[in-house]
């Protein structure tokens, strides 16, 4: 079996980046739901999202897990079969998730947090360009 690392090393490294970011974050939210909910309820207490925090936390958790799992499937599929379909959708879901998180930080007026999300969005957008 031929591995396609040398053909796709940039995409594979960036996919691993997304796997680490989103699986860790999604699993953390599942493991510490109460702690995350408590922190986010306070974080959004003065925003239009204040009454929607539990539902939005659920949506973000599902999006992060989907992004991480699709990116993992994309990594394996690209490495073994030189096929980008899962990688593309994992990266697209990752970008959408980051935009959702960016919106939340901006609405909460956490501009430093928003800047941090942009740091994650840059390599994600680059990977999306490489995969199209």
N, C-alpha and C. Protein backbone atom coordinates (compact mmCIF):
# COMPACT_ATOMS: atom_id res chain seq x y z
N UNK A 1 0.84 -1.18 0.00
CA UNK A 1 0.00 0.00 0.00
C UNK A 1 0.89 1.25 0.00
N UNK A 2 0.60 2.14 -0.90
CA UNK A 2 1.36 3.38 -1.01
C UNK A 2 0.69 4.48 -0.19
N UNK A 3 1.44 5.10 0.70
CA UNK A 3 0.93 6.25 1.45
C UNK A 3 1.23 7.51 0.65
N UNK A 4 0.33 8.44 0.68
CA UNK A 4 0.44 9.65 -0.13
C UNK A 4 0.89 10.85 0.70
N UNK A 5 1.79 10.62 1.66
CA UNK A 5 2.26 11.72 2.49
C UNK A 5 3.06 12.74 1.69
N UNK A 6 4.01 12.26 0.91
CA UNK A 6 4.90 13.18 0.18
C UNK A 6 4.14 14.01 -0.85
N UNK A 7 3.00 13.50 -1.32
CA UNK A 7 2.20 14.23 -2.30
C UNK A 7 1.31 15.29 -1.65
N UNK A 8 1.01 15.10 -0.36
CA UNK A 8 -0.02 15.92 0.29
C UNK A 8 0.39 16.38 1.69
N UNK A 9 1.67 16.53 1.94
CA UNK A 9 2.10 16.78 3.32
C UNK A 9 1.54 18.07 3.91
N UNK A 10 1.40 19.12 3.13
CA UNK A 10 0.86 20.37 3.68
C UNK A 10 -0.60 20.17 4.08
N UNK A 11 -1.38 19.57 3.21
CA UNK A 11 -2.79 19.31 3.51
C UNK A 11 -2.92 18.38 4.72
N UNK A 12 -2.07 17.37 4.80
CA UNK A 12 -2.15 16.42 5.91
C UNK A 12 -1.80 17.09 7.24
N UNK A 13 -0.79 17.92 7.24
CA UNK A 13 -0.41 18.63 8.47
C UNK A 13 -1.53 19.56 8.91
N UNK A 14 -2.11 20.28 7.96
CA UNK A 14 -3.20 21.20 8.30
C UNK A 14 -4.45 20.45 8.74
N UNK A 15 -4.70 19.30 8.16
CA UNK A 15 -5.84 18.48 8.61
C UNK A 15 -5.62 18.01 10.05
N UNK A 16 -4.39 17.59 10.37
CA UNK A 16 -4.10 17.20 11.76
C UNK A 16 -4.30 18.38 12.71
N UNK A 17 -3.93 19.57 12.26
CA UNK A 17 -4.18 20.78 13.05
C UNK A 17 -5.67 20.90 13.37
N UNK A 18 -6.53 20.73 12.36
CA UNK A 18 -7.98 20.83 12.57
C UNK A 18 -8.49 19.71 13.46
N UNK A 19 -7.97 18.51 13.29
CA UNK A 19 -8.36 17.39 14.15
C UNK A 19 -8.07 17.72 15.61
N UNK A 20 -6.86 18.20 15.88
CA UNK A 20 -6.46 18.52 17.25
C UNK A 20 -7.34 19.64 17.81
N UNK A 21 -7.51 20.71 17.06
CA UNK A 21 -8.28 21.87 17.53
C UNK A 21 -9.72 21.47 17.84
N UNK A 22 -10.38 20.83 16.89
CA UNK A 22 -11.81 20.62 17.04
C UNK A 22 -12.19 19.40 17.86
N UNK A 23 -11.45 18.31 17.76
CA UNK A 23 -11.77 17.16 18.61
C UNK A 23 -11.49 17.49 20.07
N UNK A 24 -10.38 18.14 20.36
CA UNK A 24 -10.09 18.52 21.75
C UNK A 24 -11.18 19.44 22.29
N UNK A 25 -11.55 20.44 21.51
CA UNK A 25 -12.53 21.41 21.98
C UNK A 25 -13.92 20.77 22.14
N UNK A 26 -14.33 19.96 21.18
CA UNK A 26 -15.63 19.31 21.27
C UNK A 26 -15.70 18.32 22.42
N UNK A 27 -14.66 17.51 22.58
CA UNK A 27 -14.62 16.54 23.68
C UNK A 27 -14.59 17.26 25.02
N UNK A 28 -13.85 18.36 25.12
CA UNK A 28 -13.81 19.15 26.35
C UNK A 28 -15.20 19.66 26.71
N UNK A 29 -15.94 20.12 25.71
CA UNK A 29 -17.29 20.61 25.98
C UNK A 29 -18.20 19.50 26.48
N UNK A 30 -18.04 18.30 25.93
CA UNK A 30 -18.83 17.16 26.40
C UNK A 30 -18.45 16.75 27.82
N UNK A 31 -17.15 16.72 28.10
CA UNK A 31 -16.67 16.29 29.41
C UNK A 31 -16.97 17.30 30.51
N UNK A 32 -16.95 18.57 30.16
CA UNK A 32 -17.18 19.63 31.16
C UNK A 32 -18.31 20.55 30.70
N UNK A 33 -19.45 19.95 30.39
CA UNK A 33 -20.59 20.71 29.89
C UNK A 33 -20.97 21.81 30.88
N UNK A 34 -21.10 21.46 32.15
CA UNK A 34 -21.54 22.44 33.17
C UNK A 34 -20.56 23.60 33.29
N UNK A 35 -19.28 23.29 33.31
CA UNK A 35 -18.28 24.35 33.42
C UNK A 35 -18.29 25.27 32.21
N UNK A 36 -18.37 24.69 31.02
CA UNK A 36 -18.43 25.50 29.80
C UNK A 36 -19.71 26.33 29.76
N UNK A 37 -20.82 25.72 30.13
CA UNK A 37 -22.10 26.44 30.12
C UNK A 37 -22.07 27.60 31.10
N UNK A 38 -21.51 27.37 32.28
CA UNK A 38 -21.43 28.42 33.28
C UNK A 38 -20.57 29.59 32.78
N UNK A 39 -19.40 29.27 32.23
CA UNK A 39 -18.51 30.32 31.74
C UNK A 39 -19.15 31.09 30.59
N UNK A 40 -19.75 30.35 29.65
CA UNK A 40 -20.35 31.01 28.48
C UNK A 40 -21.59 31.81 28.85
N UNK A 41 -22.35 31.35 29.82
CA UNK A 41 -23.53 32.11 30.27
C UNK A 41 -23.09 33.48 30.78
N UNK A 42 -22.03 33.50 31.56
CA UNK A 42 -21.49 34.77 32.05
C UNK A 42 -20.91 35.59 30.90
N UNK A 43 -20.18 34.94 30.00
CA UNK A 43 -19.53 35.62 28.88
C UNK A 43 -20.55 36.34 27.99
N UNK A 44 -21.71 35.73 27.80
CA UNK A 44 -22.73 36.29 26.92
C UNK A 44 -23.87 36.97 27.68
N UNK A 45 -23.69 37.23 28.97
CA UNK A 45 -24.78 37.77 29.80
C UNK A 45 -25.28 39.14 29.35
N UNK A 46 -24.45 39.90 28.68
CA UNK A 46 -24.84 41.24 28.23
C UNK A 46 -24.97 41.31 26.71
N UNK A 47 -25.23 40.17 26.10
CA UNK A 47 -25.32 40.13 24.63
C UNK A 47 -26.70 39.63 24.21
N UNK A 48 -27.02 39.79 22.93
CA UNK A 48 -28.30 39.26 22.43
C UNK A 48 -28.40 37.74 22.53
N UNK A 49 -27.29 37.05 22.74
CA UNK A 49 -27.30 35.58 22.84
C UNK A 49 -27.56 35.08 24.25
N UNK A 50 -27.77 35.99 25.21
CA UNK A 50 -27.83 35.60 26.63
C UNK A 50 -28.88 34.53 26.93
N UNK A 51 -29.99 34.50 26.23
CA UNK A 51 -31.03 33.51 26.50
C UNK A 51 -30.88 32.24 25.66
N UNK A 52 -29.88 32.18 24.82
CA UNK A 52 -29.71 31.05 23.90
C UNK A 52 -28.43 30.26 24.15
N UNK A 53 -27.73 30.54 25.23
CA UNK A 53 -26.42 29.94 25.45
C UNK A 53 -26.46 28.40 25.45
N UNK A 54 -27.39 27.75 26.16
CA UNK A 54 -27.37 26.28 26.14
C UNK A 54 -27.56 25.70 24.73
N UNK A 55 -28.49 26.24 23.97
CA UNK A 55 -28.72 25.74 22.61
C UNK A 55 -27.51 26.03 21.71
N UNK A 56 -26.95 27.22 21.82
CA UNK A 56 -25.80 27.56 21.00
C UNK A 56 -24.57 26.73 21.37
N UNK A 57 -24.42 26.43 22.66
CA UNK A 57 -23.32 25.56 23.08
C UNK A 57 -23.49 24.17 22.46
N UNK A 58 -24.72 23.69 22.41
CA UNK A 58 -24.98 22.40 21.76
C UNK A 58 -24.64 22.42 20.29
N UNK A 59 -25.03 23.48 19.60
CA UNK A 59 -24.74 23.60 18.17
C UNK A 59 -23.23 23.65 17.94
N UNK A 60 -22.53 24.47 18.71
CA UNK A 60 -21.08 24.60 18.55
C UNK A 60 -20.39 23.28 18.85
N UNK A 61 -20.84 22.59 19.88
CA UNK A 61 -20.24 21.30 20.23
C UNK A 61 -20.40 20.31 19.07
N UNK A 62 -21.60 20.22 18.51
CA UNK A 62 -21.84 19.32 17.38
C UNK A 62 -21.00 19.72 16.16
N UNK A 63 -20.90 21.01 15.90
CA UNK A 63 -20.11 21.49 14.77
C UNK A 63 -18.63 21.16 14.97
N UNK A 64 -18.12 21.37 16.18
CA UNK A 64 -16.71 21.08 16.45
C UNK A 64 -16.43 19.59 16.30
N UNK A 65 -17.31 18.76 16.84
CA UNK A 65 -17.11 17.31 16.71
C UNK A 65 -17.19 16.87 15.25
N UNK A 66 -18.13 17.42 14.51
CA UNK A 66 -18.25 17.09 13.08
C UNK A 66 -17.01 17.54 12.32
N UNK A 67 -16.53 18.75 12.61
CA UNK A 67 -15.32 19.27 11.95
C UNK A 67 -14.12 18.38 12.27
N UNK A 68 -13.96 18.02 13.51
CA UNK A 68 -12.83 17.19 13.90
C UNK A 68 -12.88 15.79 13.31
N UNK A 69 -14.07 15.17 13.35
CA UNK A 69 -14.20 13.81 12.83
C UNK A 69 -14.07 13.77 11.31
N UNK A 70 -14.68 14.74 10.62
CA UNK A 70 -14.53 14.79 9.16
C UNK A 70 -13.09 15.09 8.76
N UNK A 71 -12.41 15.93 9.53
CA UNK A 71 -11.00 16.21 9.24
C UNK A 71 -10.15 14.97 9.47
N UNK A 72 -10.47 14.20 10.49
CA UNK A 72 -9.76 12.95 10.74
C UNK A 72 -10.00 11.96 9.60
N UNK A 73 -11.25 11.83 9.18
CA UNK A 73 -11.56 10.96 8.04
C UNK A 73 -10.86 11.47 6.79
N UNK A 74 -10.82 12.79 6.63
CA UNK A 74 -10.13 13.38 5.49
C UNK A 74 -8.64 13.09 5.50
N UNK A 75 -8.04 13.17 6.68
CA UNK A 75 -6.61 12.85 6.81
C UNK A 75 -6.35 11.41 6.37
N UNK A 76 -7.12 10.48 6.91
CA UNK A 76 -6.92 9.06 6.60
C UNK A 76 -7.17 8.80 5.12
N UNK A 77 -8.25 9.36 4.60
CA UNK A 77 -8.62 9.12 3.20
C UNK A 77 -7.59 9.74 2.23
N UNK A 78 -7.10 10.90 2.57
CA UNK A 78 -6.08 11.54 1.74
C UNK A 78 -4.77 10.77 1.80
N UNK A 79 -4.38 10.34 2.98
CA UNK A 79 -3.13 9.60 3.14
C UNK A 79 -3.18 8.25 2.42
N UNK A 80 -4.30 7.54 2.54
CA UNK A 80 -4.38 6.19 1.98
C UNK A 80 -4.83 6.15 0.52
N UNK A 81 -5.72 7.08 0.14
CA UNK A 81 -6.35 7.00 -1.18
C UNK A 81 -6.13 8.21 -2.07
N UNK A 82 -5.40 9.22 -1.56
CA UNK A 82 -5.15 10.44 -2.33
C UNK A 82 -6.46 11.08 -2.80
N UNK A 83 -7.47 11.05 -1.93
CA UNK A 83 -8.79 11.60 -2.24
C UNK A 83 -9.12 12.67 -1.20
N UNK A 84 -9.62 13.81 -1.67
CA UNK A 84 -9.82 14.96 -0.78
C UNK A 84 -11.26 15.21 -0.36
N UNK A 85 -12.19 14.36 -0.70
CA UNK A 85 -13.60 14.68 -0.45
C UNK A 85 -13.88 14.90 1.04
N UNK A 86 -13.44 14.00 1.91
CA UNK A 86 -13.68 14.19 3.34
C UNK A 86 -12.87 15.35 3.89
N UNK A 87 -11.66 15.51 3.40
CA UNK A 87 -10.81 16.62 3.83
C UNK A 87 -11.47 17.95 3.51
N UNK A 88 -12.03 18.05 2.31
CA UNK A 88 -12.69 19.30 1.91
C UNK A 88 -13.87 19.61 2.83
N UNK A 89 -14.72 18.63 3.07
CA UNK A 89 -15.90 18.89 3.91
C UNK A 89 -15.52 19.12 5.36
N UNK A 90 -14.50 18.42 5.85
CA UNK A 90 -14.03 18.67 7.20
C UNK A 90 -13.50 20.09 7.35
N UNK A 91 -12.76 20.54 6.35
CA UNK A 91 -12.22 21.90 6.37
C UNK A 91 -13.32 22.94 6.23
N UNK A 92 -14.29 22.67 5.37
CA UNK A 92 -15.42 23.60 5.20
C UNK A 92 -16.22 23.73 6.50
N UNK A 93 -16.52 22.62 7.14
CA UNK A 93 -17.24 22.67 8.42
C UNK A 93 -16.39 23.38 9.48
N UNK A 94 -15.09 23.16 9.45
CA UNK A 94 -14.19 23.86 10.36
C UNK A 94 -14.26 25.37 10.15
N UNK A 95 -14.23 25.81 8.91
CA UNK A 95 -14.30 27.24 8.60
C UNK A 95 -15.63 27.84 9.06
N UNK A 96 -16.71 27.13 8.80
CA UNK A 96 -18.03 27.61 9.23
C UNK A 96 -18.10 27.70 10.75
N UNK A 97 -17.55 26.70 11.42
CA UNK A 97 -17.54 26.71 12.89
C UNK A 97 -16.73 27.88 13.42
N UNK A 98 -15.58 28.13 12.82
CA UNK A 98 -14.77 29.27 13.25
C UNK A 98 -15.49 30.59 13.02
N UNK A 99 -16.22 30.70 11.93
CA UNK A 99 -16.99 31.93 11.68
C UNK A 99 -18.11 32.09 12.71
N UNK A 100 -18.73 30.98 13.11
CA UNK A 100 -19.75 31.04 14.17
C UNK A 100 -19.12 31.51 15.49
N UNK A 101 -17.96 30.95 15.82
CA UNK A 101 -17.26 31.36 17.04
C UNK A 101 -16.83 32.83 16.97
N UNK A 102 -16.37 33.25 15.80
CA UNK A 102 -15.98 34.65 15.61
C UNK A 102 -17.18 35.58 15.83
N UNK A 103 -18.32 35.21 15.27
CA UNK A 103 -19.53 36.02 15.48
C UNK A 103 -19.85 36.12 16.96
N UNK A 104 -19.78 35.01 17.67
CA UNK A 104 -20.06 35.03 19.11
C UNK A 104 -19.13 35.95 19.86
N UNK A 105 -17.84 35.89 19.56
CA UNK A 105 -16.88 36.75 20.25
C UNK A 105 -17.12 38.22 19.93
N UNK A 106 -17.44 38.51 18.69
CA UNK A 106 -17.71 39.90 18.32
C UNK A 106 -18.98 40.42 19.01
N UNK A 107 -20.02 39.60 19.03
CA UNK A 107 -21.27 40.01 19.68
C UNK A 107 -21.05 40.22 21.18
N UNK A 108 -20.22 39.37 21.78
CA UNK A 108 -19.91 39.52 23.21
C UNK A 108 -18.92 40.65 23.47
N UNK A 109 -18.46 41.28 22.42
CA UNK A 109 -17.48 42.37 22.48
C UNK A 109 -16.16 41.91 23.09
N UNK A 110 -15.83 40.63 22.84
CA UNK A 110 -14.54 40.08 23.25
C UNK A 110 -13.62 40.13 22.04
N UNK A 111 -13.05 41.30 21.81
CA UNK A 111 -12.27 41.52 20.60
C UNK A 111 -10.95 40.77 20.63
N UNK A 112 -10.37 40.56 21.81
CA UNK A 112 -9.15 39.75 21.91
C UNK A 112 -9.46 38.30 21.55
N UNK A 113 -10.58 37.79 22.04
CA UNK A 113 -10.99 36.43 21.69
C UNK A 113 -11.26 36.29 20.20
N UNK A 114 -11.85 37.32 19.62
CA UNK A 114 -12.12 37.31 18.18
C UNK A 114 -10.81 37.26 17.39
N UNK A 115 -9.81 38.01 17.84
CA UNK A 115 -8.51 37.98 17.16
C UNK A 115 -7.89 36.58 17.21
N UNK A 116 -8.05 35.90 18.32
CA UNK A 116 -7.52 34.55 18.46
C UNK A 116 -8.17 33.61 17.44
N UNK A 117 -9.45 33.75 17.24
CA UNK A 117 -10.16 32.88 16.29
C UNK A 117 -9.65 33.12 14.87
N UNK A 118 -9.33 34.35 14.55
CA UNK A 118 -8.79 34.66 13.22
C UNK A 118 -7.47 33.91 12.99
N UNK A 119 -6.69 33.73 14.05
CA UNK A 119 -5.44 32.98 13.93
C UNK A 119 -5.72 31.55 13.47
N UNK A 120 -6.81 30.96 13.93
CA UNK A 120 -7.21 29.61 13.50
C UNK A 120 -7.84 29.63 12.11
N UNK A 121 -8.50 30.72 11.77
CA UNK A 121 -9.20 30.80 10.49
C UNK A 121 -8.22 30.90 9.31
N UNK A 122 -7.08 31.53 9.51
CA UNK A 122 -6.13 31.72 8.41
C UNK A 122 -5.64 30.38 7.84
N UNK A 123 -5.08 29.46 8.65
CA UNK A 123 -4.65 28.19 8.05
C UNK A 123 -5.83 27.36 7.54
N UNK A 124 -7.00 27.53 8.14
CA UNK A 124 -8.18 26.80 7.67
C UNK A 124 -8.59 27.28 6.29
N UNK A 125 -8.59 28.58 6.08
CA UNK A 125 -8.91 29.13 4.76
C UNK A 125 -7.86 28.72 3.73
N UNK A 126 -6.60 28.71 4.14
CA UNK A 126 -5.53 28.28 3.24
C UNK A 126 -5.74 26.82 2.83
N UNK A 127 -6.07 25.97 3.78
CA UNK A 127 -6.32 24.56 3.46
C UNK A 127 -7.52 24.43 2.56
N UNK A 128 -8.54 25.20 2.78
CA UNK A 128 -9.72 25.15 1.92
C UNK A 128 -9.33 25.50 0.48
N UNK A 129 -8.48 26.47 0.30
CA UNK A 129 -8.01 26.83 -1.04
C UNK A 129 -7.21 25.69 -1.66
N UNK A 130 -6.37 25.03 -0.88
CA UNK A 130 -5.57 23.93 -1.40
C UNK A 130 -6.44 22.74 -1.82
N UNK A 131 -7.57 22.57 -1.16
CA UNK A 131 -8.41 21.40 -1.41
C UNK A 131 -9.46 21.61 -2.50
N UNK A 132 -9.68 22.83 -2.92
CA UNK A 132 -10.75 23.03 -3.92
C UNK A 132 -10.33 22.67 -5.31
